[in-house]
Amino acid sequence: MGAVPSLPDRVIQTIERHRMFTGGQQAGVAVSGGADSVCLLHLLVELASRWTLRLTVLHLDHGLRGEESCQDAEFVAGMAAALGLPCEIHRASLAAREGNLEQAARDARLEFFREAMAARGLERLALGHTRSDQAETVLFRFLRGAGTAGLAAIRPVTSEGFVRPLRDLGREEVRQFLRDRGIAWREDSTNASLGFARNRIRARLMPQLREEWNPAIEETLVHTADWALAEESWWEAEIGRLAAGCLVEREDGILLRAAALRDLPLAAARRMVRHAIERAKGSLLGVDFSHTAAVLELASRPRGSGSFRAAGFAVCRSLDWLRFVNPARQAPCPRPYRLAATGPGILPLPGTGISISLELFENAETSAPPAGGYNKETVGLDGGCLVGPLELRNWQPGDVYQPAGSSRPKKLKALFHEARIPVWDRSGWPVLTDGGAIVWTRRFGPAAGVAARSGARVILSVREIRNRDESRARL
């Protein structure tokens, strides 16, 4: 049998297997002062030349333990100075943050790390999570009802550049490494508090499971995470491929075709829903099985209506579409507007991201037609049939007009339904009136009595323009 790899060699293998670093990168090291982060820092200092890493120490003082927290910060700053490394100490207040203390502390750390990475140009941030942390996280998430994505737990590399070189080491191995080298670390007194769920798992549940059920429970849970991570990596690529055919990302929300969702296998449909929620909300925090089931039920309804709100997101069904939004980020609906169209020109429509261009043309053989001819976004009205005054306004319930080519007048609401236009796209929908009567509306065109004919002497061209600075994709 070959020699057992040393602890630094095992860390090298982990880094290279997951491609955590490339040559010459600027890398931050998150150091709390505890054993895991201290071990991480010393190992990376020892191995930095292998990837020509330029290291910076980052420490966040949550201020939760008074003088003890200050001493942790001083300890980290002193260690960084002894190793000849730049160090940034940041202090945060958790008093104004929502949620439980554990989550508030986690959010504060992530904010600090992201800001420090951007400010210092750090391409990677190394975190001191170990195999023991991975096992406890899997168990914690399982007990809270997580699916496969949650059981993948702590990922070796994230899209933000967070890396975890100690993920294949156990907590006791880390401490023994420090003892063998005579390296000091700080003990966080809150780690002994059973008021935190993770501490109860670490101090009570894991030892009980190890003693009464499975002596290798840590390895079993870690293998579960690795299995789940491989499956989720495949699913992420597959959902990306499927989303191209049924999901539309817009500034005003994420749209998902209800019929396409119904046609997917249940496993894919659940993941598609979670994907849409994550895109709209920005995370999956607080999203559980019941939320996914509620969206699938909404998509399964024979009639296209209904809505519900949950933690940080809302879903609305209209006709063939589901729309996912984050209420905190959602732009307000366009306000009602009325604009006098007193002459040719361009009229921006408030809150809609579009403008309406009105141009007059003499219908002579020598005159040029409107640019681009006539299409869904450019139509011609017979100027001789218009009596005025002309006004652009948003549609209103009860609006009726007879589109050119139709045998009878129709309610605009009925036209919306026939064209499968969801309710959220109707707000701010423009109509042009002549003396109060509708003579044109977006998509459905000119009214039957005023549509430009070959004998018209003057033609009013009506053209829709998407504003460059606030254009929004439309179905």
Protein backbone atom coordinates (compact mmCIF):
# COMPACT_ATOMS: atom_id res chain seq x y z
CA MET A 1 0.00 0.00 0.00
CA GLY A 2 1.17 3.52 -0.73
CA ALA A 3 1.87 6.12 1.89
CA VAL A 4 -1.12 7.97 3.32
CA PRO A 5 -1.22 11.51 1.87
CA SER A 6 -0.40 14.26 4.30
CA LEU A 7 -3.06 16.77 5.22
CA PRO A 8 -1.58 19.50 2.92
CA ASP A 9 -1.43 16.96 0.07
CA ARG A 10 -5.10 16.12 0.57
CA VAL A 11 -5.97 19.82 0.42
CA ILE A 12 -3.97 20.11 -2.82
CA GLN A 13 -5.94 17.20 -4.26
CA THR A 14 -9.24 18.85 -3.27
CA ILE A 15 -8.23 22.19 -4.79
CA GLU A 16 -7.08 20.63 -8.05
CA ARG A 17 -10.00 18.21 -8.37
CA HIS A 18 -12.49 21.09 -8.17
CA ARG A 19 -10.26 23.64 -9.95
CA MET A 20 -10.57 26.09 -7.11
CA PHE A 21 -7.63 28.26 -8.14
CA THR A 22 -5.83 29.21 -11.31
CA GLY A 23 -2.41 30.79 -11.56
CA GLY A 24 -1.87 34.32 -10.27
CA GLN A 25 -5.26 34.91 -8.72
CA GLN A 26 -6.07 37.38 -5.97
CA ALA A 27 -7.75 35.35 -3.22
CA GLY A 28 -9.39 36.34 0.02
CA VAL A 29 -9.33 34.07 3.06
CA ALA A 30 -12.24 34.37 5.49
CA VAL A 31 -10.74 34.02 8.97
CA SER A 32 -12.90 34.08 12.10
CA GLY A 33 -10.08 33.04 14.40
CA GLY A 34 -11.53 29.58 14.98
CA ALA A 35 -9.59 26.39 14.31
CA ASP A 36 -10.99 25.70 10.83
CA SER A 37 -10.28 29.15 9.39
CA VAL A 38 -6.87 29.39 11.07
CA CYS A 39 -5.92 26.03 9.58
CA LEU A 40 -7.17 27.18 6.17
CA LEU A 41 -5.09 30.35 6.31
CA HIS A 42 -1.85 28.57 7.30
CA LEU A 43 -2.34 25.89 4.65
CA LEU A 44 -2.98 28.44 1.90
CA VAL A 45 0.08 30.46 2.93
CA GLU A 46 2.09 27.24 2.69
CA LEU A 47 0.60 26.29 -0.69
CA ALA A 48 0.20 29.75 -2.26
CA SER A 49 3.32 29.49 -4.42
CA ARG A 50 1.86 26.44 -6.17
CA TRP A 51 -0.76 28.70 -7.83
CA THR A 52 1.05 32.04 -7.31
CA LEU A 53 -1.82 33.20 -5.12
CA ARG A 54 -1.91 36.70 -3.62
CA LEU A 55 -3.77 36.37 -0.33
CA THR A 56 -5.81 38.86 1.70
CA VAL A 57 -7.30 38.10 5.13
CA LEU A 58 -10.93 39.09 5.72
CA HIS A 59 -12.57 39.14 9.16
CA LEU A 60 -16.08 40.18 10.18
CA ASP A 61 -16.76 41.19 13.77
CA HIS A 62 -20.48 40.63 14.43
CA GLY A 63 -20.18 42.31 17.81
CA LEU A 64 -22.23 39.56 19.44
CA ARG A 65 -19.81 38.67 22.23
CA GLY A 66 -18.56 42.06 23.37
CA GLU A 67 -14.91 42.06 24.40
CA GLU A 68 -14.48 38.47 23.18
CA SER A 69 -15.38 39.58 19.64
CA CYS A 70 -12.87 42.43 19.82
CA GLN A 71 -10.18 40.00 20.94
CA ASP A 72 -10.99 37.71 18.00
CA ALA A 73 -10.49 40.63 15.60
CA GLU A 74 -7.19 41.56 17.27
CA PHE A 75 -6.05 37.93 17.10
CA VAL A 76 -6.79 37.70 13.36
CA ALA A 77 -5.15 41.04 12.62
CA GLY A 78 -2.03 39.99 14.54
CA MET A 79 -1.85 36.64 12.76
CA ALA A 80 -2.18 38.31 9.34
CA ALA A 81 0.58 40.77 10.22
CA ALA A 82 2.86 37.92 11.39
CA LEU A 83 2.29 36.17 8.05
CA GLY A 84 2.91 39.38 6.10
CA LEU A 85 -0.61 39.52 4.64
CA PRO A 86 -2.99 42.45 4.14
CA CYS A 87 -6.02 42.24 6.42
CA GLU A 88 -9.45 43.88 6.38
CA ILE A 89 -11.47 43.93 9.61
CA HIS A 90 -15.12 44.91 9.29
CA ARG A 91 -17.66 45.41 12.05
CA ALA A 92 -21.38 44.84 11.53
CA SER A 93 -24.50 45.42 13.59
CA LEU A 94 -27.14 42.70 13.46
CA ALA A 95 -29.75 44.56 15.51
CA ALA A 96 -31.63 45.98 12.50
CA ARG A 97 -31.61 42.78 10.48
CA GLU A 98 -34.67 40.59 10.03
CA GLY A 99 -34.83 36.85 10.71
CA ASN A 100 -33.16 34.74 13.36
CA LEU A 101 -29.70 35.55 14.64
CA GLU A 102 -27.98 32.73 12.73
CA GLN A 103 -29.46 33.87 9.43
CA ALA A 104 -28.73 37.53 10.16
CA ALA A 105 -25.09 36.72 10.88
CA ARG A 106 -24.85 34.67 7.68
CA ASP A 107 -26.34 37.49 5.62
CA ALA A 108 -23.92 39.99 7.13
CA ARG A 109 -20.95 37.77 6.30
CA LEU A 110 -22.06 37.30 2.71
CA GLU A 111 -22.55 41.04 2.23
CA PHE A 112 -19.10 41.77 3.64
CA PHE A 113 -17.44 39.10 1.52
CA ARG A 114 -19.11 40.28 -1.69
CA GLU A 115 -18.27 43.92 -1.04
CA ALA A 116 -14.67 43.12 -0.12
CA MET A 117 -14.21 40.94 -3.20
CA ALA A 118 -15.49 43.72 -5.46
CA ALA A 119 -13.50 46.47 -3.75
CA ARG A 120 -10.21 44.54 -3.66
CA GLY A 121 -10.56 42.74 -6.99
CA LEU A 122 -10.54 39.31 -5.35
CA GLU A 123 -11.29 36.49 -7.79
CA ARG A 124 -11.70 33.81 -5.12
CA LEU A 125 -12.73 33.72 -1.48
CA ALA A 126 -11.65 30.69 0.55
CA LEU A 127 -13.94 29.53 3.36
CA GLY A 128 -13.04 27.08 6.13
CA HIS A 129 -15.93 24.62 5.88
CA THR A 130 -14.90 21.05 6.61
CA ARG A 131 -16.32 17.59 5.93
CA SER A 132 -17.92 17.75 9.40
CA ASP A 133 -19.70 20.99 8.47
CA GLN A 134 -20.90 19.32 5.29
CA ALA A 135 -22.35 16.35 7.17
CA GLU A 136 -24.11 18.56 9.71
CA THR A 137 -25.52 20.78 6.96
CA VAL A 138 -26.97 17.78 5.09
CA LEU A 139 -28.65 16.56 8.26
CA PHE A 140 -29.90 20.05 9.16
CA ARG A 141 -31.45 20.56 5.70
CA PHE A 142 -32.95 17.08 5.61
CA LEU A 143 -34.68 17.71 8.93
CA ARG A 144 -36.10 20.94 7.51
CA GLY A 145 -37.52 19.14 4.47
CA ALA A 146 -34.98 20.03 1.78
CA GLY A 147 -35.04 18.27 -1.58
CA THR A 148 -32.07 17.07 -3.59
CA ALA A 149 -30.83 20.61 -4.23
CA GLY A 150 -30.69 21.29 -0.50
CA LEU A 151 -28.99 17.99 0.25
CA ALA A 152 -26.16 18.96 -2.12
CA ALA A 153 -25.36 21.26 0.82
CA ILE A 154 -22.02 23.11 0.83
CA ARG A 155 -20.63 23.28 -2.71
CA PRO A 156 -16.88 23.16 -3.33
CA VAL A 157 -16.98 26.12 -5.75
CA THR A 158 -19.78 28.63 -6.26
CA SER A 159 -20.58 30.96 -9.13
CA GLU A 160 -19.56 33.91 -6.93
CA GLY A 161 -16.05 32.53 -6.52
CA PHE A 162 -16.37 31.06 -3.02
CA VAL A 163 -14.15 27.97 -2.59
CA ARG A 164 -13.81 25.45 0.25
CA PRO A 165 -10.39 23.75 0.27
CA LEU A 166 -11.01 21.93 3.59
CA ARG A 167 -14.19 20.16 2.47
CA ASP A 168 -12.53 16.71 2.59
CA LEU A 169 -11.07 17.13 6.09
CA GLY A 170 -12.76 16.27 9.37
CA ARG A 171 -12.98 18.80 12.20
CA GLU A 172 -10.75 16.79 14.53
CA GLU A 173 -8.12 16.37 11.79
CA VAL A 174 -7.94 20.14 11.51
CA ARG A 175 -7.40 20.58 15.23
CA GLN A 176 -4.74 17.89 15.35
CA PHE A 177 -2.90 19.60 12.49
CA LEU A 178 -2.82 22.83 14.48
CA ARG A 179 -1.72 21.08 17.67
CA ASP A 180 1.09 19.29 15.85
CA ARG A 181 2.38 22.61 14.52
CA GLY A 182 1.83 24.57 17.70
CA ILE A 183 -0.58 26.99 16.03
CA ALA A 184 -3.05 28.76 18.32
CA TRP A 185 -6.68 29.47 17.58
CA ARG A 186 -9.68 31.05 19.27
CA GLU A 187 -12.71 29.22 20.64
CA ASP A 188 -16.08 30.89 20.00
CA SER A 189 -18.06 30.62 23.24
CA THR A 190 -21.35 30.61 21.31
CA ASN A 191 -20.41 27.23 19.82
CA ALA A 192 -21.34 25.72 23.19
CA SER A 193 -24.81 27.31 23.21
CA LEU A 194 -27.60 24.84 22.54
CA GLY A 195 -29.85 27.72 21.59
CA PHE A 196 -28.57 27.40 18.02
CA ALA A 197 -29.94 24.55 15.91
CA ARG A 198 -26.60 23.69 14.35
CA ASN A 199 -24.96 23.43 17.76
CA ARG A 200 -27.65 20.99 18.91
CA ILE A 201 -27.02 18.86 15.82
CA ARG A 202 -23.28 18.93 16.46
CA ALA A 203 -23.38 18.33 20.22
CA ARG A 204 -26.37 16.01 20.57
CA LEU A 205 -27.80 14.53 17.41
CA MET A 206 -24.62 13.56 15.56
CA PRO A 207 -23.08 11.77 18.57
CA GLN A 208 -26.35 9.90 19.16
CA LEU A 209 -26.59 8.83 15.51
CA ARG A 210 -22.93 7.78 15.54
CA GLU A 211 -23.36 5.72 18.71
CA GLU A 212 -26.80 4.18 18.14
CA TRP A 213 -27.23 4.00 14.36
CA ASN A 214 -24.15 4.39 12.21
CA PRO A 215 -20.54 4.79 13.39
CA ALA A 216 -19.72 6.25 9.96
CA ILE A 217 -22.65 8.70 9.91
CA GLU A 218 -20.42 11.63 8.91
CA GLU A 219 -19.10 9.80 5.84
CA THR A 220 -22.62 8.62 4.95
CA LEU A 221 -23.98 12.16 5.02
CA VAL A 222 -21.05 13.50 3.02
CA HIS A 223 -21.57 10.81 0.37
CA THR A 224 -25.25 11.79 0.25
CA ALA A 225 -24.19 15.39 -0.44
CA ASP A 226 -21.77 14.31 -3.18
CA TRP A 227 -24.46 12.16 -4.81
CA ALA A 228 -26.98 15.02 -4.65
CA LEU A 229 -24.45 17.53 -5.99
CA ALA A 230 -23.71 15.38 -9.05
CA GLU A 231 -27.44 15.01 -9.76
CA GLU A 232 -28.10 18.72 -9.28
CA SER A 233 -25.24 19.65 -11.61
CA TRP A 234 -26.90 17.55 -14.32
CA TRP A 235 -30.32 19.00 -13.55
CA GLU A 236 -29.03 22.57 -13.71
CA ALA A 237 -27.87 22.02 -17.29
CA GLU A 238 -31.10 20.21 -18.18
CA ILE A 239 -33.34 22.90 -16.69
CA GLY A 240 -31.35 25.53 -18.56
CA ARG A 241 -32.07 23.67 -21.80
CA LEU A 242 -35.77 23.20 -21.01
CA ALA A 243 -36.19 26.80 -19.86
CA ALA A 244 -35.22 28.06 -23.31
CA GLY A 245 -38.52 26.72 -24.64
CA CYS A 246 -40.97 27.72 -21.91
CA LEU A 247 -39.55 30.51 -19.76
CA VAL A 248 -39.19 34.21 -20.59
CA GLU A 249 -37.15 36.61 -18.44
CA ARG A 250 -38.38 40.21 -18.46
CA GLU A 251 -37.73 43.27 -16.36
CA ASP A 252 -41.23 43.02 -14.91
CA GLY A 253 -41.04 39.34 -13.97
CA ILE A 254 -40.32 35.77 -15.00
CA LEU A 255 -42.93 34.22 -17.30
CA LEU A 256 -43.51 30.48 -17.56
CA ARG A 257 -45.91 28.77 -19.97
CA ALA A 258 -48.47 26.83 -17.95
CA ALA A 259 -49.04 24.22 -20.66
CA ALA A 260 -45.32 23.60 -21.06
CA LEU A 261 -45.01 23.16 -17.30
CA ARG A 262 -47.88 20.65 -17.28
CA ASP A 263 -46.21 18.65 -20.06
CA LEU A 264 -42.96 18.18 -18.15
CA PRO A 265 -42.31 15.09 -16.02
CA LEU A 266 -43.05 15.89 -12.38
CA ALA A 267 -39.36 15.91 -11.38
CA ALA A 268 -38.52 18.40 -14.12
CA ALA A 269 -41.63 20.50 -13.45
CA ARG A 270 -40.73 20.90 -9.78
CA ARG A 271 -37.24 22.01 -10.66
CA MET A 272 -38.52 24.39 -13.33
CA VAL A 273 -40.77 26.04 -10.75
CA ARG A 274 -37.87 26.41 -8.31
CA HIS A 275 -35.75 27.84 -11.14
CA ALA A 276 -38.42 30.44 -11.93
CA ILE A 277 -38.82 31.37 -8.25
CA GLU A 278 -35.06 31.74 -7.82
CA ARG A 279 -34.79 33.95 -10.92
CA ALA A 280 -37.60 36.19 -9.66
CA LYS A 281 -36.76 36.27 -5.95
CA GLY A 282 -32.99 36.11 -6.16
CA SER A 283 -32.67 33.04 -3.93
CA LEU A 284 -34.55 29.97 -2.74
CA LEU A 285 -34.36 30.94 0.93
CA GLY A 286 -37.65 30.05 2.62
CA VAL A 287 -38.99 28.22 -0.45
CA ASP A 288 -40.27 24.75 0.42
CA PHE A 289 -42.23 21.84 -1.04
CA SER A 290 -45.60 23.49 -0.40
CA HIS A 291 -44.69 26.50 -2.55
CA THR A 292 -43.67 24.31 -5.47
CA ALA A 293 -46.86 22.28 -5.13
CA ALA A 294 -48.98 25.45 -5.06
CA VAL A 295 -47.46 26.69 -8.33
CA LEU A 296 -48.03 23.33 -10.02
CA GLU A 297 -51.65 23.37 -8.86
CA LEU A 298 -52.05 26.87 -10.30
CA ALA A 299 -50.65 25.68 -13.64
CA SER A 300 -52.98 22.66 -13.69
CA ARG A 301 -56.20 24.68 -13.47
CA PRO A 302 -58.39 24.58 -16.59
CA ARG A 303 -59.07 28.32 -16.32
CA GLY A 304 -56.14 30.68 -16.58
CA SER A 305 -56.46 32.74 -13.41
CA GLY A 306 -55.42 32.76 -9.78
CA SER A 307 -52.51 33.95 -7.68
CA PHE A 308 -50.73 33.56 -4.36
CA ARG A 309 -47.94 35.23 -2.39
CA ALA A 310 -45.20 33.62 -0.35
CA ALA A 311 -41.94 34.62 1.33
CA GLY A 312 -40.29 37.08 -1.06
CA PHE A 313 -42.17 36.21 -4.23
CA ALA A 314 -45.63 36.19 -5.80
CA VAL A 315 -47.10 34.10 -8.62
CA CYS A 316 -50.02 35.08 -10.85
CA ARG A 317 -51.75 32.98 -13.50
CA SER A 318 -53.35 34.65 -16.53
CA LEU A 319 -54.48 32.63 -19.54
CA ASP A 320 -51.49 30.59 -20.76
CA TRP A 321 -48.86 32.15 -18.51
CA LEU A 322 -47.57 32.15 -14.95
CA ARG A 323 -45.72 35.26 -13.82
CA PHE A 324 -43.22 35.17 -10.94
CA VAL A 325 -42.24 38.48 -9.34
CA ASN A 326 -40.43 39.80 -6.30
CA PRO A 327 -42.92 42.31 -4.84
CA ALA A 328 -40.08 44.35 -3.33
CA ARG A 329 -38.52 44.85 -6.78
CA GLN A 330 -41.68 45.04 -8.86
CA ALA A 331 -42.16 48.29 -10.73
CA PRO A 332 -45.50 50.03 -10.19
CA CYS A 333 -48.18 49.58 -12.86
CA PRO A 334 -48.37 52.38 -15.43
CA ARG A 335 -50.69 55.13 -14.28
CA PRO A 336 -53.69 56.14 -16.40
CA TYR A 337 -52.75 58.70 -19.01
CA ARG A 338 -54.42 60.98 -21.56
CA LEU A 339 -52.24 62.76 -24.13
CA ALA A 340 -53.56 65.27 -26.65
CA ALA A 341 -52.33 64.32 -30.14
CA THR A 342 -52.47 67.84 -31.60
CA GLY A 343 -50.16 67.16 -34.51
CA PRO A 344 -47.43 64.96 -35.97
CA GLY A 345 -44.74 63.93 -33.52
CA ILE A 346 -43.66 61.32 -30.99
CA LEU A 347 -45.62 60.83 -27.78
CA PRO A 348 -43.93 58.83 -24.96
CA LEU A 349 -46.49 56.80 -23.01
CA PRO A 350 -45.86 57.14 -19.24
CA GLY A 351 -44.58 54.03 -17.52
CA THR A 352 -44.85 51.76 -20.57
CA GLY A 353 -41.40 51.91 -22.14
CA ILE A 354 -42.89 52.79 -25.55
CA SER A 355 -43.76 55.86 -27.61
CA ILE A 356 -46.29 56.40 -30.39
CA SER A 357 -45.16 58.16 -33.55
CA LEU A 358 -47.79 60.05 -35.59
CA GLU A 359 -46.89 61.16 -39.13
CA LEU A 360 -48.96 62.67 -41.97
CA PHE A 361 -48.41 61.64 -45.60
CA GLU A 362 -50.05 62.84 -48.78
CA ASN A 363 -51.29 59.82 -50.69
CA ALA A 364 -49.73 60.78 -54.03
CA GLU A 365 -47.74 58.63 -56.40
CA THR A 366 -44.63 60.71 -55.70
CA SER A 367 -44.92 60.55 -51.91
CA ALA A 368 -42.96 58.00 -49.93
CA PRO A 369 -44.82 55.46 -47.80
CA PRO A 370 -44.15 55.29 -44.07
CA ALA A 371 -40.74 53.82 -43.28
CA GLY A 372 -40.96 50.06 -43.22
CA GLY A 373 -44.40 50.00 -44.82
CA TYR A 374 -47.43 48.86 -42.78
CA ASN A 375 -47.18 46.02 -40.29
CA LYS A 376 -48.28 45.14 -36.77
CA GLU A 377 -46.47 48.16 -35.34
CA THR A 378 -47.17 50.64 -38.16
CA VAL A 379 -50.66 51.28 -39.54
CA GLY A 380 -52.32 53.96 -41.68
CA LEU A 381 -55.51 55.89 -40.95
CA ASP A 382 -57.53 57.83 -43.53
CA GLY A 383 -56.91 61.44 -42.54
CA GLY A 384 -60.07 62.56 -44.33
CA CYS A 385 -62.22 60.46 -41.96
CA LEU A 386 -60.76 61.97 -38.80
CA VAL A 387 -62.64 64.88 -37.26
CA GLY A 388 -60.65 65.42 -34.05
CA PRO A 389 -59.62 66.01 -31.46
CA LEU A 390 -57.17 63.08 -31.35
CA GLU A 391 -56.14 61.69 -27.98
CA LEU A 392 -53.84 58.87 -26.84
CA ARG A 393 -54.88 57.13 -23.65
CA ASN A 394 -54.62 53.79 -21.93
CA TRP A 395 -57.44 51.30 -22.50
CA GLN A 396 -60.32 51.22 -20.05
CA PRO A 397 -62.78 48.49 -19.07
CA GLY A 398 -65.78 48.68 -21.38
CA ASP A 399 -63.80 49.99 -24.38
CA VAL A 400 -65.40 48.86 -27.66
CA TYR A 401 -64.37 49.30 -31.27
CA GLN A 402 -64.63 47.51 -34.62
CA PRO A 403 -61.21 46.48 -35.99
CA ALA A 404 -60.71 46.71 -39.74
CA GLY A 405 -61.76 43.41 -41.30
CA SER A 406 -64.16 42.58 -38.47
CA SER A 407 -67.91 42.36 -39.14
CA ARG A 408 -68.95 43.85 -35.80
CA PRO A 409 -67.67 45.87 -32.85
CA LYS A 410 -65.85 44.01 -30.08
CA LYS A 411 -64.89 44.75 -26.53
CA LEU A 412 -61.19 45.29 -26.14
CA LYS A 413 -61.23 42.84 -23.21
CA ALA A 414 -62.58 40.14 -25.55
CA LEU A 415 -59.82 40.90 -28.06
CA PHE A 416 -57.24 40.55 -25.28
CA HIS A 417 -58.66 37.16 -24.42
CA GLU A 418 -58.75 35.99 -28.05
CA ALA A 419 -55.13 37.09 -28.52
CA ARG A 420 -54.13 35.39 -25.22
CA ILE A 421 -52.70 38.59 -23.78
CA PRO A 422 -52.22 38.17 -20.01
CA VAL A 423 -53.57 40.74 -17.59
CA TRP A 424 -50.18 42.20 -16.66
CA ASP A 425 -49.51 43.19 -20.30
CA ARG A 426 -52.80 45.10 -20.60
CA SER A 427 -51.93 47.84 -18.14
CA GLY A 428 -51.06 51.00 -20.06
CA TRP A 429 -52.23 49.47 -23.37
CA PRO A 430 -52.50 52.44 -25.81
CA VAL A 431 -55.56 53.42 -27.81
CA LEU A 432 -55.99 56.42 -30.12
CA THR A 433 -59.36 58.13 -30.07
CA ASP A 434 -60.93 60.61 -32.47
CA GLY A 435 -63.62 62.68 -30.83
CA GLY A 436 -63.82 60.04 -28.12
CA ALA A 437 -64.23 57.07 -30.51
CA ILE A 438 -61.43 54.50 -30.73
CA VAL A 439 -59.75 54.62 -34.16
CA TRP A 440 -56.64 52.57 -33.39
CA THR A 441 -55.19 50.35 -30.68
CA ARG A 442 -51.97 48.47 -30.34
CA ARG A 443 -51.81 45.08 -32.06
CA PHE A 444 -55.44 45.12 -33.24
CA GLY A 445 -54.92 48.02 -35.63
CA PRO A 446 -57.19 50.70 -37.13
CA ALA A 447 -60.95 50.86 -36.76
CA ALA A 448 -62.99 49.69 -39.73
CA GLY A 449 -64.32 53.14 -40.60
CA VAL A 450 -60.97 54.95 -40.72
CA ALA A 451 -58.49 52.39 -42.10
CA ALA A 452 -56.45 53.94 -44.93
CA ARG A 453 -57.70 53.07 -48.42
CA SER A 454 -56.14 53.53 -51.82
CA GLY A 455 -58.23 56.64 -52.51
CA ALA A 456 -57.35 58.45 -49.28
CA ARG A 457 -55.74 61.83 -49.91
CA VAL A 458 -53.99 62.09 -46.55
CA ILE A 459 -52.77 59.20 -44.44
CA LEU A 460 -51.98 59.36 -40.73
CA SER A 461 -49.26 56.81 -39.95
CA VAL A 462 -49.37 55.40 -36.42
CA ARG A 463 -46.19 53.64 -35.36
CA GLU A 464 -45.14 52.08 -32.06
CA ILE A 465 -41.54 52.70 -30.93
CA ARG A 466 -39.75 50.91 -28.08
CA ASN A 467 -37.84 53.45 -26.01
CA ARG A 468 -34.15 52.63 -25.98
CA ASP A 469 -33.59 53.53 -22.37
CA GLU A 470 -36.52 51.63 -20.89
CA SER A 471 -37.58 49.07 -23.47
CA ARG A 472 -39.29 45.97 -22.14
CA ALA A 473 -39.61 42.65 -23.93
CA ARG A 474 -43.16 41.72 -24.92
CA LEU A 475 -44.72 38.37 -25.71
